C-alpha atoms as a PDB file:
ATOM      1  CA  MET A   1      31.733  37.029 -49.078  1.00  0.00           C
ATOM      2  CA  LYS A   2      32.094  35.433 -45.653  1.00  0.00           C
ATOM      3  CA  ALA A   3      33.042  36.695 -42.209  1.00  0.00           C
ATOM      4  CA  ALA A   4      34.120  34.469 -39.342  1.00  0.00           C
ATOM      5  CA  ALA A   5      34.570  34.579 -35.585  1.00  0.00           C
ATOM      6  CA  TYR A   6      36.536  32.106 -33.477  1.00  0.00           C
ATOM      7  CA  LEU A   7      36.307  31.067 -29.848  1.00  0.00           C
ATOM      8  CA  LYS A   8      39.371  29.207 -28.627  1.00  0.00           C
ATOM      9  CA  TYR A   9      40.025  27.292 -25.407  1.00  0.00           C
ATOM     10  CA  ALA A  10      36.417  27.527 -24.174  1.00  0.00           C
ATOM     11  CA  ARG A  11      36.058  25.501 -20.963  1.00  0.00           C
ATOM     12  CA  ILE A  12      33.133  23.414 -22.154  1.00  0.00           C
ATOM     13  CA  THR A  13      33.130  20.019 -23.848  1.00  0.00           C
ATOM     14  CA  PRO A  14      32.794  19.977 -27.647  1.00  0.00           C
ATOM     15  CA  ARG A  15      29.916  17.514 -27.355  1.00  0.00           C
ATOM     16  CA  LYS A  16      27.806  19.999 -25.388  1.00  0.00           C
ATOM     17  CA  VAL A  17      28.547  22.821 -27.848  1.00  0.00           C
ATOM     18  CA  GLN A  18      27.716  20.622 -30.859  1.00  0.00           C
ATOM     19  CA  VAL A  19      24.129  20.112 -29.647  1.00  0.00           C
ATOM     20  CA  VAL A  20      23.481  23.874 -29.675  1.00  0.00           C
ATOM     21  CA  LEU A  21      25.346  24.507 -32.955  1.00  0.00           C
ATOM     22  CA  ASP A  22      23.074  22.010 -34.709  1.00  0.00           C
ATOM     23  CA  LEU A  23      20.095  24.219 -33.798  1.00  0.00           C
ATOM     24  CA  ILE A  24      21.414  27.352 -35.558  1.00  0.00           C
ATOM     25  CA  ARG A  25      23.191  25.968 -38.640  1.00  0.00           C
ATOM     26  CA  LYS A  26      21.917  27.580 -41.929  1.00  0.00           C
ATOM     27  CA  LYS A  27      19.516  29.920 -40.065  1.00  0.00           C
ATOM     28  CA  ASP A  28      19.182  33.696 -40.477  1.00  0.00           C
ATOM     29  CA  VAL A  29      21.205  35.668 -37.929  1.00  0.00           C
ATOM     30  CA  GLY A  30      18.114  37.106 -36.213  1.00  0.00           C
ATOM     31  CA  GLU A  31      16.472  33.706 -35.956  1.00  0.00           C
ATOM     32  CA  ALA A  32      19.711  32.097 -34.738  1.00  0.00           C
ATOM     33  CA  MET A  33      20.107  34.759 -32.036  1.00  0.00           C
ATOM     34  CA  ALA A  34      16.498  34.201 -30.895  1.00  0.00           C
ATOM     35  CA  ILE A  35      17.074  30.435 -30.710  1.00  0.00           C
ATOM     36  CA  LEU A  36      20.262  30.907 -28.674  1.00  0.00           C
ATOM     37  CA  LYS A  37      18.626  33.333 -26.235  1.00  0.00           C
ATOM     38  CA  ASN A  38      15.825  30.829 -25.551  1.00  0.00           C
ATOM     39  CA  THR A  39      17.992  27.715 -25.285  1.00  0.00           C
ATOM     40  CA  PRO A  40      18.693  26.761 -21.649  1.00  0.00           C
ATOM     41  CA  LYS A  41      22.194  25.393 -22.280  1.00  0.00           C
ATOM     42  CA  ARG A  42      25.485  26.779 -21.015  1.00  0.00           C
ATOM     43  CA  ALA A  43      26.946  26.657 -24.533  1.00  0.00           C
ATOM     44  CA  SER A  44      24.381  29.192 -25.739  1.00  0.00           C
ATOM     45  CA  GLU A  45      26.019  31.913 -23.593  1.00  0.00           C
ATOM     46  CA  TYR A  46      29.305  31.437 -25.450  1.00  0.00           C
ATOM     47  CA  LEU A  47      27.567  31.259 -28.835  1.00  0.00           C
ATOM     48  CA  ILE A  48      25.503  34.447 -28.344  1.00  0.00           C
ATOM     49  CA  LYS A  49      28.723  36.421 -27.934  1.00  0.00           C
ATOM     50  CA  LEU A  50      30.394  34.567 -30.800  1.00  0.00           C
ATOM     51  CA  LEU A  51      27.495  35.190 -33.201  1.00  0.00           C
ATOM     52  CA  GLY A  52      27.459  38.872 -32.238  1.00  0.00           C
ATOM     53  CA  SER A  53      31.177  39.049 -32.935  1.00  0.00           C
ATOM     54  CA  ALA A  54      30.804  37.390 -36.356  1.00  0.00           C
ATOM     55  CA  VAL A  55      28.031  39.846 -37.302  1.00  0.00           C
ATOM     56  CA  ALA A  56      30.164  42.807 -36.153  1.00  0.00           C
ATOM     57  CA  ASN A  57      33.119  41.493 -38.193  1.00  0.00           C
ATOM     58  CA  ALA A  58      30.894  41.186 -41.274  1.00  0.00           C
ATOM     59  CA  GLU A  59      29.533  44.701 -40.860  1.00  0.00           C
ATOM     60  CA  ASN A  60      32.740  46.548 -39.937  1.00  0.00           C
ATOM     61  CA  ASN A  61      35.433  44.637 -41.829  1.00  0.00           C
ATOM     62  CA  PHE A  62      33.569  43.620 -44.992  1.00  0.00           C
ATOM     63  CA  GLY A  63      30.712  46.165 -45.196  1.00  0.00           C
ATOM     64  CA  MET A  64      28.002  43.492 -45.399  1.00  0.00           C
ATOM     65  CA  ASP A  65      24.307  44.174 -44.869  1.00  0.00           C
ATOM     66  CA  THR A  66      23.400  42.655 -41.477  1.00  0.00           C
ATOM     67  CA  SER A  67      19.764  42.028 -42.481  1.00  0.00           C
ATOM     68  CA  LYS A  68      20.890  39.585 -45.207  1.00  0.00           C
ATOM     69  CA  LEU A  69      23.292  37.551 -43.049  1.00  0.00           C
ATOM     70  CA  TYR A  70      22.861  33.868 -42.202  1.00  0.00           C
ATOM     71  CA  VAL A  71      24.976  31.270 -40.381  1.00  0.00           C
ATOM     72  CA  ALA A  72      26.860  29.733 -43.319  1.00  0.00           C
ATOM     73  CA  GLU A  73      28.891  27.248 -41.293  1.00  0.00           C
ATOM     74  CA  CYS A  74      29.528  26.486 -37.654  1.00  0.00           C
ATOM     75  CA  TYR A  75      31.550  23.724 -36.110  1.00  0.00           C
ATOM     76  CA  VAL A  76      33.440  22.799 -32.960  1.00  0.00           C
ATOM     77  CA  THR A  77      36.738  20.956 -32.575  1.00  0.00           C
ATOM     78  CA  PRO A  78      38.306  19.701 -29.348  1.00  0.00           C
ATOM     79  CA  GLY A  79      40.997  21.846 -27.797  1.00  0.00           C
ATOM     80  CA  PRO A  80      43.637  20.667 -25.321  1.00  0.00           C
ATOM     81  CA  THR A  81      42.345  18.556 -22.442  1.00  0.00           C
ATOM     82  CA  LEU A  82      43.252  19.520 -18.881  1.00  0.00           C
ATOM     83  CA  LYS A  83      44.097  16.438 -16.831  1.00  0.00           C
ATOM     84  CA  ARG A  84      43.179  16.484 -13.157  1.00  0.00           C
ATOM     85  CA  TYR A  85      43.272  13.750 -10.505  1.00  0.00           C
ATOM     86  CA  ARG A  86      40.849  12.858  -7.745  1.00  0.00           C
ATOM     87  CA  PRO A  87      41.660  10.579  -4.799  1.00  0.00           C
ATOM     88  CA  ARG A  88      39.839   7.244  -4.802  1.00  0.00           C
ATOM     89  CA  ALA A  89      39.610   4.208  -2.564  1.00  0.00           C
ATOM     90  CA  ARG A  90      42.728   2.476  -1.139  1.00  0.00           C
ATOM     91  CA  GLY A  91      45.169   5.211  -2.084  1.00  0.00           C
ATOM     92  CA  SER A  92      44.493   5.136  -5.801  1.00  0.00           C
ATOM     93  CA  ALA A  93      43.626   8.075  -8.058  1.00  0.00           C
ATOM     94  CA  ALA A  94      41.104   8.628 -10.840  1.00  0.00           C
ATOM     95  CA  ARG A  95      41.859  10.863 -13.795  1.00  0.00           C
ATOM     96  CA  ILE A  96      39.365  13.621 -14.569  1.00  0.00           C
ATOM     97  CA  LEU A  97      39.451  15.074 -18.085  1.00  0.00           C
ATOM     98  CA  LYS A  98      38.437  18.715 -18.311  1.00  0.00           C
ATOM     99  CA  ARG A  99      37.834  19.209 -21.992  1.00  0.00           C
ATOM    100  CA  THR A 100      38.110  22.462 -23.952  1.00  0.00           C
ATOM    101  CA  SER A 101      36.641  23.533 -27.299  1.00  0.00           C
ATOM    102  CA  HIS A 102      37.573  25.617 -30.315  1.00  0.00           C
ATOM    103  CA  VAL A 103      34.404  26.973 -31.988  1.00  0.00           C
ATOM    104  CA  THR A 104      34.253  28.495 -35.484  1.00  0.00           C
ATOM    105  CA  LEU A 105      31.207  30.417 -36.684  1.00  0.00           C
ATOM    106  CA  VAL A 106      31.013  31.803 -40.235  1.00  0.00           C
ATOM    107  CA  VAL A 107      28.312  34.177 -41.494  1.00  0.00           C
ATOM    108  CA  ALA A 108      27.631  35.017 -45.137  1.00  0.00           C
ATOM    109  CA  GLU A 109      25.265  37.247 -47.119  1.00  0.00           C
ATOM    110  CA  LYS A 110      22.300  35.749 -48.926  1.00  0.00           C
ATOM    111  CA  GLU A 111      22.326  36.311 -52.676  1.00  0.00           C
END
């Protein structure tokens, strides 16, 4: 049995989220939460809430035992990119890409 939580349109680049997700993949929920709380990256703020949400979904919607949960899968995909422009030399403009992310985090019970 698996329970998932999704974060859509997060205003952070997928590349920055991927670095933090690689730290918690296949870890126990308690260990993953400890890693996230001690990781000085902006992505860890989003992922702490997301992991908490996935655990709550597992407990309340599927009746799973929270002490047996682990991060079964976690991945990030790019969301829509916001295009912005910045003035540059001689009347030209430079495009700035403000990227967004869709994060999926799935927890499952150990057998």
